[in-house]
């Protein structure tokens, strides 16, 4: 099962992999919510939901912040359904185990030019959030992620 993990640039350098969390995937609920989308469109929708959730992992006062979504392939047995609730979206599932880097396919990361809007959106600026929604994330191969973590990570305060 392909999952999309909301993440941070700093986590891209974590040697132990990515710990359990709420993630996004193409679920039956997402298929029902977007019946006219093909598989590629559904995967893109799940990725966009994860990009929105990645803002929750960032600190508003930091600079150098970017939205990060890590795409990984995991067995369905390590993913649990999430009940309807306040933060429910149809692609939301719970990852129950750490994802190792061998399971990661790629990452999608904001370009540097998006940093100001990311920081503003995390601080609650709705207009910045709308501008981010119009931005595409850049694709990075898994082999590029450790370098990205050291060259594009948040700057110290």
C-alpha atoms as a PDB file:
ATOM      1  CA  UNK A   1       0.000   0.000   0.000  1.00  0.00           C
ATOM      2  CA  UNK A   2       1.363   3.435  -0.913  1.00  0.00           C
ATOM      3  CA  UNK A   3       1.142   5.885   1.973  1.00  0.00           C
ATOM      4  CA  UNK A   4       1.949   9.563   2.178  1.00  0.00           C
ATOM      5  CA  UNK A   5       3.571  10.666   5.434  1.00  0.00           C
ATOM      6  CA  UNK A   6       3.390  14.318   6.467  1.00  0.00           C
ATOM      7  CA  UNK A   7       6.946  15.106   7.481  1.00  0.00           C
ATOM      8  CA  UNK A   8       9.651  17.757   7.841  1.00  0.00           C
ATOM      9  CA  UNK A   9      12.959  18.402   6.135  1.00  0.00           C
ATOM     10  CA  UNK A  10      14.734  17.547   9.386  1.00  0.00           C
ATOM     11  CA  UNK A  11      13.116  14.094   9.479  1.00  0.00           C
ATOM     12  CA  UNK A  12      14.590  13.317   6.065  1.00  0.00           C
ATOM     13  CA  UNK A  13      17.915  12.881   7.826  1.00  0.00           C
ATOM     14  CA  UNK A  14      16.614  10.506  10.515  1.00  0.00           C
ATOM     15  CA  UNK A  15      18.638   7.309  10.264  1.00  0.00           C
ATOM     16  CA  UNK A  16      16.063   5.213  12.142  1.00  0.00           C
ATOM     17  CA  UNK A  17      13.283   5.924   9.642  1.00  0.00           C
ATOM     18  CA  UNK A  18       9.960   7.642  10.223  1.00  0.00           C
ATOM     19  CA  UNK A  19       7.941   6.802  13.343  1.00  0.00           C
ATOM     20  CA  UNK A  20       4.218   5.924  13.390  1.00  0.00           C
ATOM     21  CA  UNK A  21       1.728   8.738  12.807  1.00  0.00           C
ATOM     22  CA  UNK A  22      -1.421   9.646  10.943  1.00  0.00           C
ATOM     23  CA  UNK A  23      -0.763   9.360   7.211  1.00  0.00           C
ATOM     24  CA  UNK A  24      -2.753   9.419   3.990  1.00  0.00           C
ATOM     25  CA  UNK A  25      -3.501   6.764   1.384  1.00  0.00           C
ATOM     26  CA  UNK A  26      -6.014   5.864  -1.282  1.00  0.00           C
ATOM     27  CA  UNK A  27      -8.770   4.412   0.885  1.00  0.00           C
ATOM     28  CA  UNK A  28     -12.268   3.198   0.045  1.00  0.00           C
ATOM     29  CA  UNK A  29     -13.565   6.429   1.640  1.00  0.00           C
ATOM     30  CA  UNK A  30     -11.363   8.539  -0.665  1.00  0.00           C
ATOM     31  CA  UNK A  31     -12.570   6.562  -3.695  1.00  0.00           C
ATOM     32  CA  UNK A  32     -16.168   7.197  -2.604  1.00  0.00           C
ATOM     33  CA  UNK A  33     -15.505  10.911  -2.035  1.00  0.00           C
ATOM     34  CA  UNK A  34     -13.857  11.330  -5.463  1.00  0.00           C
ATOM     35  CA  UNK A  35     -15.681   8.831  -7.700  1.00  0.00           C
ATOM     36  CA  UNK A  36     -14.627  10.521 -10.960  1.00  0.00           C
ATOM     37  CA  UNK A  37     -10.878  10.357 -10.201  1.00  0.00           C
ATOM     38  CA  UNK A  38      -8.619   7.668 -11.613  1.00  0.00           C
ATOM     39  CA  UNK A  39      -5.912   5.999  -9.513  1.00  0.00           C
ATOM     40  CA  UNK A  40      -3.364   8.703 -10.319  1.00  0.00           C
ATOM     41  CA  UNK A  41      -5.797  11.449  -9.285  1.00  0.00           C
ATOM     42  CA  UNK A  42      -6.592   9.637  -6.048  1.00  0.00           C
ATOM     43  CA  UNK A  43      -2.877   9.264  -5.225  1.00  0.00           C
ATOM     44  CA  UNK A  44      -2.397  12.974  -5.897  1.00  0.00           C
ATOM     45  CA  UNK A  45      -5.335  13.832  -3.614  1.00  0.00           C
ATOM     46  CA  UNK A  46      -3.841  11.729  -0.799  1.00  0.00           C
ATOM     47  CA  UNK A  47      -0.488  13.466  -1.320  1.00  0.00           C
ATOM     48  CA  UNK A  48      -2.159  16.903  -1.107  1.00  0.00           C
ATOM     49  CA  UNK A  49      -3.903  15.972   2.145  1.00  0.00           C
ATOM     50  CA  UNK A  50      -0.512  14.895   3.536  1.00  0.00           C
ATOM     51  CA  UNK A  51       1.042  18.185   2.388  1.00  0.00           C
ATOM     52  CA  UNK A  52      -1.632  20.085   4.325  1.00  0.00           C
ATOM     53  CA  UNK A  53      -0.969  17.944   7.398  1.00  0.00           C
ATOM     54  CA  UNK A  54       2.789  18.503   7.119  1.00  0.00           C
ATOM     55  CA  UNK A  55       2.198  22.087   8.263  1.00  0.00           C
ATOM     56  CA  UNK A  56       1.179  20.688  11.664  1.00  0.00           C
ATOM     57  CA  UNK A  57       4.700  19.283  12.111  1.00  0.00           C
ATOM     58  CA  UNK A  58       6.395  22.677  11.723  1.00  0.00           C
ATOM     59  CA  UNK A  59       7.129  25.432  14.223  1.00  0.00           C
ATOM     60  CA  UNK A  60       5.758  28.817  13.082  1.00  0.00           C
ATOM     61  CA  UNK A  61       8.733  30.881  14.243  1.00  0.00           C
ATOM     62  CA  UNK A  62      11.317  28.850  12.286  1.00  0.00           C
ATOM     63  CA  UNK A  63      12.621  29.920   8.906  1.00  0.00           C
ATOM     64  CA  UNK A  64      13.585  27.489   6.205  1.00  0.00           C
ATOM     65  CA  UNK A  65      10.315  25.606   6.694  1.00  0.00           C
ATOM     66  CA  UNK A  66       8.930  23.584   3.807  1.00  0.00           C
ATOM     67  CA  UNK A  67       6.067  21.148   3.431  1.00  0.00           C
ATOM     68  CA  UNK A  68       7.381  17.596   3.100  1.00  0.00           C
ATOM     69  CA  UNK A  69       5.497  14.461   2.102  1.00  0.00           C
ATOM     70  CA  UNK A  70       7.291  11.108   2.114  1.00  0.00           C
ATOM     71  CA  UNK A  71       5.814   8.414  -0.138  1.00  0.00           C
ATOM     72  CA  UNK A  72       6.377   4.864   1.085  1.00  0.00           C
ATOM     73  CA  UNK A  73       5.125   1.392   0.288  1.00  0.00           C
ATOM     74  CA  UNK A  74       4.078  -0.645   3.324  1.00  0.00           C
ATOM     75  CA  UNK A  75       2.007  -3.783   3.955  1.00  0.00           C
ATOM     76  CA  UNK A  76      -1.678  -3.028   4.586  1.00  0.00           C
ATOM     77  CA  UNK A  77      -1.317  -4.855   7.921  1.00  0.00           C
ATOM     78  CA  UNK A  78       0.654  -1.893   9.380  1.00  0.00           C
ATOM     79  CA  UNK A  79      -2.087   0.619   8.563  1.00  0.00           C
ATOM     80  CA  UNK A  80      -5.290   1.016  10.587  1.00  0.00           C
ATOM     81  CA  UNK A  81      -8.485   2.824   9.661  1.00  0.00           C
ATOM     82  CA  UNK A  82      -9.249   6.118  11.387  1.00  0.00           C
ATOM     83  CA  UNK A  83     -12.744   6.770  12.697  1.00  0.00           C
ATOM     84  CA  UNK A  84     -14.722   9.818  11.646  1.00  0.00           C
ATOM     85  CA  UNK A  85     -13.859  12.748  13.847  1.00  0.00           C
ATOM     86  CA  UNK A  86     -13.033  16.418  13.908  1.00  0.00           C
ATOM     87  CA  UNK A  87      -9.863  16.149  11.793  1.00  0.00           C
ATOM     88  CA  UNK A  88     -11.135  13.303   9.588  1.00  0.00           C
ATOM     89  CA  UNK A  89     -10.474  13.353   5.859  1.00  0.00           C
ATOM     90  CA  UNK A  90     -11.276  10.370   3.631  1.00  0.00           C
ATOM     91  CA  UNK A  91      -7.618   9.478   2.974  1.00  0.00           C
ATOM     92  CA  UNK A  92      -6.555   9.462   6.628  1.00  0.00           C
ATOM     93  CA  UNK A  93      -5.154   6.230   8.117  1.00  0.00           C
ATOM     94  CA  UNK A  94      -2.931   5.412  11.103  1.00  0.00           C
ATOM     95  CA  UNK A  95       0.547   4.002  10.494  1.00  0.00           C
ATOM     96  CA  UNK A  96       1.334   1.610  13.353  1.00  0.00           C
ATOM     97  CA  UNK A  97       5.042   0.979  12.802  1.00  0.00           C
ATOM     98  CA  UNK A  98       8.208   2.824  11.857  1.00  0.00           C
ATOM     99  CA  UNK A  99       8.828   3.132   8.127  1.00  0.00           C
ATOM    100  CA  UNK A 100      12.400   2.316   7.149  1.00  0.00           C
ATOM    101  CA  UNK A 101      14.172   4.109   4.325  1.00  0.00           C
ATOM    102  CA  UNK A 102      14.118   0.905   2.250  1.00  0.00           C
ATOM    103  CA  UNK A 103      10.327   1.287   2.061  1.00  0.00           C
ATOM    104  CA  UNK A 104      10.449   4.924   0.938  1.00  0.00           C
ATOM    105  CA  UNK A 105       9.871   5.568  -2.758  1.00  0.00           C
ATOM    106  CA  UNK A 106      10.439   9.335  -2.834  1.00  0.00           C
ATOM    107  CA  UNK A 107       9.609  12.606  -1.141  1.00  0.00           C
ATOM    108  CA  UNK A 108       7.749  15.681  -2.306  1.00  0.00           C
ATOM    109  CA  UNK A 109       9.088  18.965  -0.912  1.00  0.00           C
ATOM    110  CA  UNK A 110       8.273  22.647  -1.358  1.00  0.00           C
ATOM    111  CA  UNK A 111      10.739  24.740  -3.290  1.00  0.00           C
ATOM    112  CA  UNK A 112      12.725  27.341  -1.346  1.00  0.00           C
ATOM    113  CA  UNK A 113      10.505  30.142  -2.677  1.00  0.00           C
ATOM    114  CA  UNK A 114       7.559  28.728  -0.687  1.00  0.00           C
ATOM    115  CA  UNK A 115       9.242  29.128   2.708  1.00  0.00           C
ATOM    116  CA  UNK A 116       7.676  32.491   3.600  1.00  0.00           C
ATOM    117  CA  UNK A 117       4.195  31.216   2.786  1.00  0.00           C
ATOM    118  CA  UNK A 118       4.811  28.007   4.762  1.00  0.00           C
ATOM    119  CA  UNK A 119       5.857  29.977   7.851  1.00  0.00           C
ATOM    120  CA  UNK A 120       2.870  32.326   7.451  1.00  0.00           C
ATOM    121  CA  UNK A 121       0.424  29.441   6.927  1.00  0.00           C
ATOM    122  CA  UNK A 122       1.686  27.663  10.050  1.00  0.00           C
ATOM    123  CA  UNK A 123       1.105  30.909  11.953  1.00  0.00           C
ATOM    124  CA  UNK A 124      -2.512  30.954  10.726  1.00  0.00           C
ATOM    125  CA  UNK A 125      -2.386  33.141   7.603  1.00  0.00           C
ATOM    126  CA  UNK A 126      -5.203  31.769   5.428  1.00  0.00           C
ATOM    127  CA  UNK A 127      -4.068  33.675   2.320  1.00  0.00           C
ATOM    128  CA  UNK A 128      -0.636  32.045   2.600  1.00  0.00           C
ATOM    129  CA  UNK A 129      -2.338  28.658   2.894  1.00  0.00           C
ATOM    130  CA  UNK A 130      -4.269  29.356  -0.304  1.00  0.00           C
ATOM    131  CA  UNK A 131      -1.056  30.318  -2.106  1.00  0.00           C
ATOM    132  CA  UNK A 132       0.515  27.042  -0.952  1.00  0.00           C
ATOM    133  CA  UNK A 133      -2.453  25.125  -2.340  1.00  0.00           C
ATOM    134  CA  UNK A 134      -1.524  26.500  -5.771  1.00  0.00           C
ATOM    135  CA  UNK A 135       2.098  25.320  -5.499  1.00  0.00           C
ATOM    136  CA  UNK A 136       3.319  21.938  -6.640  1.00  0.00           C
ATOM    137  CA  UNK A 137       5.804  20.074  -4.480  1.00  0.00           C
ATOM    138  CA  UNK A 138       9.136  19.082  -6.027  1.00  0.00           C
ATOM    139  CA  UNK A 139       9.937  15.373  -6.413  1.00  0.00           C
ATOM    140  CA  UNK A 140      13.091  13.935  -4.809  1.00  0.00           C
ATOM    141  CA  UNK A 141      14.469  10.424  -5.175  1.00  0.00           C
ATOM    142  CA  UNK A 142      15.088   8.606  -1.891  1.00  0.00           C
ATOM    143  CA  UNK A 143      18.842   8.774  -2.520  1.00  0.00           C
ATOM    144  CA  UNK A 144      18.670  12.598  -2.392  1.00  0.00           C
ATOM    145  CA  UNK A 145      16.898  12.863   0.959  1.00  0.00           C
ATOM    146  CA  UNK A 146      19.885  12.824   3.364  1.00  0.00           C
ATOM    147  CA  UNK A 147      21.519  15.647   1.399  1.00  0.00           C
ATOM    148  CA  UNK A 148      18.259  17.580   1.301  1.00  0.00           C
ATOM    149  CA  UNK A 149      17.973  17.255   5.084  1.00  0.00           C
ATOM    150  CA  UNK A 150      21.357  18.904   5.586  1.00  0.00           C
ATOM    151  CA  UNK A 151      21.142  21.583   2.899  1.00  0.00           C
ATOM    152  CA  UNK A 152      17.494  22.652   3.111  1.00  0.00           C
ATOM    153  CA  UNK A 153      16.638  22.087   6.752  1.00  0.00           C
ATOM    154  CA  UNK A 154      15.344  24.744   9.109  1.00  0.00           C
ATOM    155  CA  UNK A 155      17.882  27.335  10.118  1.00  0.00           C
ATOM    156  CA  UNK A 156      18.660  27.774  13.818  1.00  0.00           C
ATOM    157  CA  UNK A 157      16.784  30.547  15.572  1.00  0.00           C
END
